[in-house]
Protein backbone atom coordinates (compact mmCIF):
# COMPACT_ATOMS: atom_id res chain seq x y z
CA MET A 1 141.78 -95.66 -96.18
CA SER A 2 143.04 -98.15 -98.74
CA SER A 3 146.10 -98.89 -96.55
CA VAL A 4 143.79 -99.23 -92.93
CA LEU A 5 141.76 -102.02 -95.00
CA THR A 6 144.71 -104.08 -96.66
CA ALA A 7 146.18 -104.19 -92.83
CA HIS A 8 142.71 -105.16 -91.31
CA ARG A 9 141.60 -107.74 -94.16
CA PRO A 10 145.01 -110.73 -92.52
CA ALA A 11 143.69 -109.97 -88.94
CA ARG A 12 140.12 -110.42 -89.94
CA SER A 13 141.04 -113.90 -91.84
CA ARG A 14 143.30 -115.02 -89.14
CA SER A 15 139.82 -114.66 -86.52
CA ALA A 16 137.58 -116.46 -89.12
CA GLY A 17 140.06 -119.00 -89.71
CA PRO A 18 139.56 -120.86 -86.31
CA ARG A 19 135.93 -120.85 -86.69
CA LEU A 20 135.76 -121.45 -89.96
CA ALA A 21 137.61 -124.69 -89.18
CA PHE A 22 135.38 -125.39 -85.97
CA PHE A 23 132.31 -125.44 -87.30
CA GLY A 24 133.42 -126.89 -90.25
CA ILE A 25 134.83 -130.27 -88.20
CA LEU A 26 131.43 -130.08 -86.15
CA ALA A 27 129.35 -129.82 -89.38
CA VAL A 28 131.34 -133.18 -90.74
CA LEU A 29 130.76 -134.76 -86.94
CA PHE A 30 126.86 -134.35 -86.85
CA ILE A 31 126.41 -135.46 -90.43
CA ALA A 32 128.73 -138.69 -89.39
CA GLY A 33 126.47 -138.73 -86.77
CA VAL A 34 123.14 -138.48 -88.72
CA ALA A 35 124.12 -141.30 -91.14
CA ALA A 36 125.34 -143.43 -88.27
CA THR A 37 122.02 -142.88 -86.85
CA LEU A 38 120.21 -143.40 -90.15
CA ALA A 39 121.93 -146.68 -90.84
CA TRP A 40 121.14 -148.22 -87.28
CA HIS A 41 118.03 -147.40 -87.90
CA ALA A 42 117.82 -148.67 -91.17
CA SER A 43 119.14 -151.86 -89.94
CA MET A 44 116.93 -152.72 -87.26
CA PRO A 45 114.41 -155.94 -88.21
CA ALA A 46 111.14 -155.70 -89.65
CA MET A 47 109.64 -156.36 -86.48
CA GLY A 48 111.55 -153.48 -84.83
CA ALA A 49 108.65 -152.62 -81.80
CA MET A 50 106.49 -155.35 -80.10
CA PRO A 51 102.78 -154.65 -79.86
CA MET A 52 102.09 -154.55 -75.97
CA PRO A 53 98.84 -154.73 -73.86
CA GLY A 54 97.34 -151.21 -73.28
CA GLY A 55 97.83 -149.93 -77.59
CA TRP A 56 101.17 -148.64 -77.33
CA THR A 57 104.65 -150.60 -78.81
CA MET A 58 107.70 -151.90 -77.29
CA SER A 59 110.84 -151.18 -79.44
CA MET A 60 113.27 -154.10 -79.16
CA ALA A 61 115.79 -151.87 -78.42
CA TRP A 62 115.11 -153.34 -74.71
CA MET A 63 115.36 -156.71 -75.77
CA ARG A 64 117.75 -159.90 -75.79
CA MET A 65 117.40 -160.83 -79.33
CA CYS A 66 118.10 -164.72 -79.90
CA GLY A 67 121.71 -166.06 -79.04
CA GLN A 68 122.92 -162.60 -77.82
CA THR A 69 124.30 -162.25 -74.18
CA TRP A 70 122.96 -159.32 -72.58
CA GLY A 71 126.61 -158.15 -72.26
CA ARG A 72 126.57 -157.79 -76.05
CA THR A 73 122.93 -156.14 -76.04
CA ALA A 74 124.67 -153.31 -73.89
CA MET A 75 127.36 -152.88 -75.72
CA ALA A 76 124.94 -152.68 -79.15
CA PHE A 77 122.39 -150.44 -77.00
CA LEU A 78 125.48 -148.12 -75.93
CA GLY A 79 126.75 -147.73 -79.52
CA MET A 80 123.60 -146.79 -80.73
CA TRP A 81 123.25 -144.30 -78.11
CA ILE A 82 126.38 -142.68 -78.69
CA ALA A 83 125.56 -142.18 -82.70
CA MET A 84 122.26 -141.11 -81.79
CA MET A 85 124.07 -138.01 -78.87
CA VAL A 86 126.25 -137.06 -81.67
CA PRO A 87 123.36 -135.55 -83.72
CA MET A 88 121.01 -134.87 -80.81
CA MET A 89 124.00 -133.50 -78.42
CA LEU A 90 126.45 -131.36 -80.65
CA PRO A 91 124.25 -128.52 -81.85
CA SER A 92 123.61 -127.75 -77.82
CA LEU A 93 127.81 -128.18 -77.18
CA ALA A 94 128.69 -126.58 -80.14
CA PRO A 95 128.55 -122.22 -78.70
CA MET A 96 129.66 -124.02 -75.18
CA LEU A 97 132.99 -125.37 -76.88
CA TRP A 98 133.43 -122.42 -79.52
CA ARG A 99 133.28 -120.03 -76.42
CA TYR A 100 135.63 -122.18 -74.17
CA ARG A 101 138.05 -122.18 -77.06
CA GLN A 102 137.62 -118.72 -77.24
CA ALA A 103 138.71 -118.46 -73.66
CA LEU A 104 141.76 -120.44 -73.79
CA ALA A 105 142.98 -118.33 -77.03
CA ALA A 106 142.42 -114.98 -75.07
CA ALA A 107 144.29 -116.75 -72.06
CA GLY A 108 147.13 -117.22 -74.57
CA GLN A 109 146.92 -121.38 -74.80
CA VAL A 110 149.20 -122.22 -77.45
CA ARG A 111 146.57 -125.05 -78.60
CA PRO A 112 143.26 -124.41 -77.56
CA GLY A 113 142.01 -127.06 -80.48
CA MET A 114 143.34 -129.84 -78.52
CA SER A 115 141.90 -128.69 -75.47
CA THR A 116 138.53 -128.66 -77.29
CA VAL A 117 138.54 -131.71 -78.06
CA LEU A 118 139.25 -133.18 -74.70
CA ALA A 119 136.40 -130.89 -73.35
CA GLY A 120 133.98 -132.45 -75.77
CA ALA A 121 134.74 -136.23 -75.27
CA GLY A 122 134.77 -135.28 -71.59
CA TYR A 123 131.01 -134.09 -72.29
CA PHE A 124 129.77 -137.02 -74.42
CA PHE A 125 131.96 -139.41 -72.02
CA VAL A 126 129.10 -137.91 -69.84
CA TRP A 127 126.32 -139.43 -71.82
CA GLY A 128 127.61 -142.15 -72.65
CA MET A 129 127.52 -142.78 -68.89
CA VAL A 130 124.09 -142.23 -69.23
CA GLY A 131 123.06 -144.53 -71.61
CA LEU A 132 124.39 -147.27 -69.39
CA ALA A 133 122.47 -146.47 -66.84
CA VAL A 134 119.57 -145.76 -68.81
CA PHE A 135 119.79 -149.33 -70.38
CA PRO A 136 119.39 -151.73 -67.64
CA VAL A 137 116.48 -149.86 -66.27
CA GLY A 138 114.50 -149.88 -69.68
CA ALA A 139 115.50 -153.65 -70.03
CA ALA A 140 114.11 -154.09 -66.67
CA LEU A 141 111.24 -152.46 -67.15
CA ALA A 142 110.48 -154.48 -70.52
CA ALA A 143 110.96 -157.41 -68.78
CA ILE A 144 108.53 -156.94 -66.63
CA ALA A 145 105.89 -155.56 -69.17
CA THR A 146 106.16 -158.54 -70.88
CA GLN A 147 105.62 -160.85 -67.97
CA ALA A 148 102.80 -159.03 -66.28
CA GLN A 149 100.05 -157.40 -68.36
CA GLY A 150 98.42 -155.67 -65.38
CA LEU A 151 101.31 -153.17 -65.17
CA ALA A 152 101.76 -153.67 -69.44
CA ARG A 153 98.60 -152.02 -69.67
CA ALA A 154 99.55 -149.05 -66.95
CA ALA A 155 102.47 -147.96 -69.47
CA PRO A 156 100.62 -145.51 -71.26
CA LEU A 157 99.59 -143.85 -67.68
CA ALA A 158 102.76 -143.81 -66.57
CA ALA A 159 104.30 -142.15 -69.93
CA ALA A 160 101.45 -139.76 -69.71
CA VAL A 161 102.71 -138.86 -65.96
CA VAL A 162 106.55 -138.98 -67.27
CA LEU A 163 105.27 -136.15 -70.13
CA MET A 164 103.29 -133.86 -68.01
CA MET A 165 106.32 -133.71 -65.37
CA ALA A 166 108.55 -133.01 -68.48
CA GLY A 167 106.84 -130.49 -69.22
CA VAL A 168 105.99 -128.30 -65.79
CA LEU A 169 109.81 -128.52 -65.18
CA GLN A 170 110.15 -126.22 -67.96
CA PHE A 171 108.19 -123.32 -66.00
CA ALA A 172 110.75 -124.31 -63.13
CA ALA A 173 113.13 -121.51 -61.91
CA TRP A 174 115.74 -124.70 -61.71
CA LYS A 175 115.43 -125.38 -65.06
CA ALA A 176 116.32 -121.46 -65.76
CA ARG A 177 119.34 -122.03 -63.51
CA GLN A 178 120.59 -124.98 -65.41
CA LEU A 179 120.11 -123.57 -69.11
CA ALA A 180 122.04 -120.17 -67.61
CA TYR A 181 125.21 -121.58 -66.80
CA CYS A 182 125.08 -123.96 -69.33
CA THR A 183 125.03 -120.84 -71.55
CA SER A 184 127.62 -119.10 -69.66
CA ALA A 185 129.52 -121.32 -68.04
CA ALA A 186 132.06 -122.05 -70.92
CA GLY A 187 132.84 -118.11 -71.44
CA ARG A 188 133.91 -117.85 -67.94
CA THR A 189 138.16 -117.53 -67.32
CA ARG A 190 138.53 -117.80 -63.98
CA ALA A 191 140.23 -121.31 -63.95
CA LEU A 192 141.57 -122.33 -67.33
CA PRO A 193 145.00 -124.06 -67.21
CA ALA A 194 146.66 -125.44 -70.58
CA ASP A 195 146.34 -128.98 -69.23
CA ALA A 196 144.64 -131.98 -70.47
CA GLY A 197 143.17 -133.00 -67.24
CA SER A 198 141.61 -129.64 -66.93
CA ALA A 199 140.02 -129.22 -70.31
CA TRP A 200 138.26 -133.14 -69.64
CA ARG A 201 137.21 -132.29 -66.68
CA HIS A 202 135.37 -128.91 -67.78
CA GLY A 203 133.50 -131.28 -70.42
CA LEU A 204 132.68 -133.76 -67.79
CA ARG A 205 131.07 -130.12 -65.91
CA LEU A 206 129.57 -129.57 -69.06
CA GLY A 207 127.69 -132.59 -69.37
CA LEU A 208 126.91 -133.21 -65.89
CA HIS A 209 124.92 -129.66 -65.89
CA CYS A 210 123.56 -130.40 -69.61
CA ILE A 211 122.25 -133.92 -68.13
CA ARG A 212 120.39 -131.92 -65.66
CA CYS A 213 119.06 -128.76 -68.07
CA CYS A 214 117.95 -131.37 -70.73
CA ALA A 215 116.13 -134.40 -68.18
CA GLY A 216 112.75 -133.24 -68.87
CA LEU A 217 113.50 -133.49 -72.81
CA THR A 218 115.70 -136.40 -72.27
CA ALA A 219 112.53 -138.19 -70.09
CA ALA A 220 110.10 -136.96 -72.64
CA TRP A 221 112.32 -138.46 -75.64
CA LEU A 222 112.65 -141.93 -73.80
CA VAL A 223 108.98 -142.55 -72.99
CA MET A 224 108.00 -141.64 -76.53
CA GLY A 225 109.94 -143.87 -78.13
CA VAL A 226 113.75 -144.14 -78.12
CA MET A 227 114.59 -145.19 -81.65
CA ASP A 228 111.36 -142.59 -83.09
CA LEU A 229 113.38 -139.95 -85.17
CA ARG A 230 110.51 -137.51 -85.25
CA VAL A 231 110.84 -137.66 -81.31
CA MET A 232 114.66 -137.57 -82.01
CA ALA A 233 114.34 -134.30 -84.03
CA ALA A 234 111.79 -132.69 -82.11
CA VAL A 235 113.56 -133.06 -79.18
CA THR A 236 117.05 -131.97 -80.74
CA LEU A 237 115.73 -128.99 -82.28
CA ALA A 238 113.90 -127.61 -78.42
CA MET A 239 117.28 -128.42 -77.14
CA THR A 240 119.40 -126.35 -79.39
CA LEU A 241 117.17 -123.63 -79.65
CA GLU A 242 117.60 -123.62 -75.37
CA ARG A 243 120.88 -122.82 -76.18
CA TRP A 244 121.20 -120.56 -79.25
CA MET A 245 118.95 -117.90 -78.40
CA PRO A 246 120.07 -115.23 -76.28
CA ALA A 247 120.47 -116.09 -72.37
CA GLY A 248 117.63 -114.78 -69.99
CA ALA A 249 115.93 -113.05 -72.80
CA ARG A 250 112.40 -112.86 -72.71
CA VAL A 251 112.06 -114.60 -76.06
CA THR A 252 114.07 -117.85 -74.53
CA ARG A 253 111.94 -118.06 -71.88
CA LEU A 254 109.00 -117.92 -74.10
CA ALA A 255 110.42 -120.40 -75.91
CA VAL A 256 111.44 -123.06 -73.17
CA ARG A 257 107.59 -122.88 -71.60
CA LEU A 258 106.12 -123.44 -75.40
CA THR A 259 108.22 -126.51 -75.19
CA GLY A 260 106.83 -127.21 -71.72
CA ALA A 261 103.11 -126.14 -72.59
CA VAL A 262 103.71 -128.51 -75.82
CA LEU A 263 104.83 -131.78 -73.63
CA VAL A 264 101.72 -130.71 -71.08
CA GLY A 265 99.74 -131.10 -74.28
CA VAL A 266 101.22 -134.03 -75.67
CA GLY A 267 100.99 -135.75 -71.43
CA VAL A 268 97.37 -134.99 -71.50
CA ALA A 269 96.45 -136.37 -74.73
CA THR A 270 98.12 -139.52 -73.78
CA LEU A 271 96.03 -139.86 -70.45
CA VAL A 272 92.98 -139.53 -72.21
CA GLN A 273 93.59 -141.83 -74.95
CA ALA A 274 95.03 -144.70 -72.45
CA GLY A 275 91.98 -143.56 -70.28
CA TRP A 276 89.68 -144.16 -73.30
CA GLY A 277 91.43 -147.45 -74.68
CA GLY A 278 91.04 -148.81 -71.08
């Protein structure tokens, strides 16, 4: 019996080693992302939000500071965006990347870690492109809001509609399909060539599906306050629970719908508050 146990110990330690290293590295990256986000938030000027007609405040992240070019403003926003994406999305990405690494190792790839790094880089590249697309839209809306008081007063109503739509999306079958893909795609071993290009493209596909799956929650985060740490934490928690809970289980469906109900409720409250204030 003791010889059998001794024989099994090396195998267990060999299997535990990559897991500990993998999640240890992700933990370091997560902590670094949190630190960068907090440092960025702390470095914002005291007037980090502009009071607007309609009783809301606009983040200065959308505005060009004195002496800045629009190019520098966009790059600053992108740096802030990536710093926030790491702690927000890494907990959701972790199980997908781990299953991908396991599939590569099972297929006999010699260096599954390098391919996993490339897949993760492709994933965050997609989210970086989302940030580049979001900034000009947000900057344009901010410029319009500062020039047109009537439109600025309507912003809380528009935010309420976005929140309610994001909540309803959580109940949709489309959301369930996207979530099912996110929780199972990384383990599919149909085609896992051991080359850098394939790993990068796999990360891009994961990122694109994740964007679709998180579309409602991301929209809610943007309209509730891109620099609001409380909103960031709540959205991160919702996204993480969706990925880590059992795929297709009733408790997972209930959690997703509960998030939707909360978003609808916040949207209704915002709508009532905007109507009362108007």
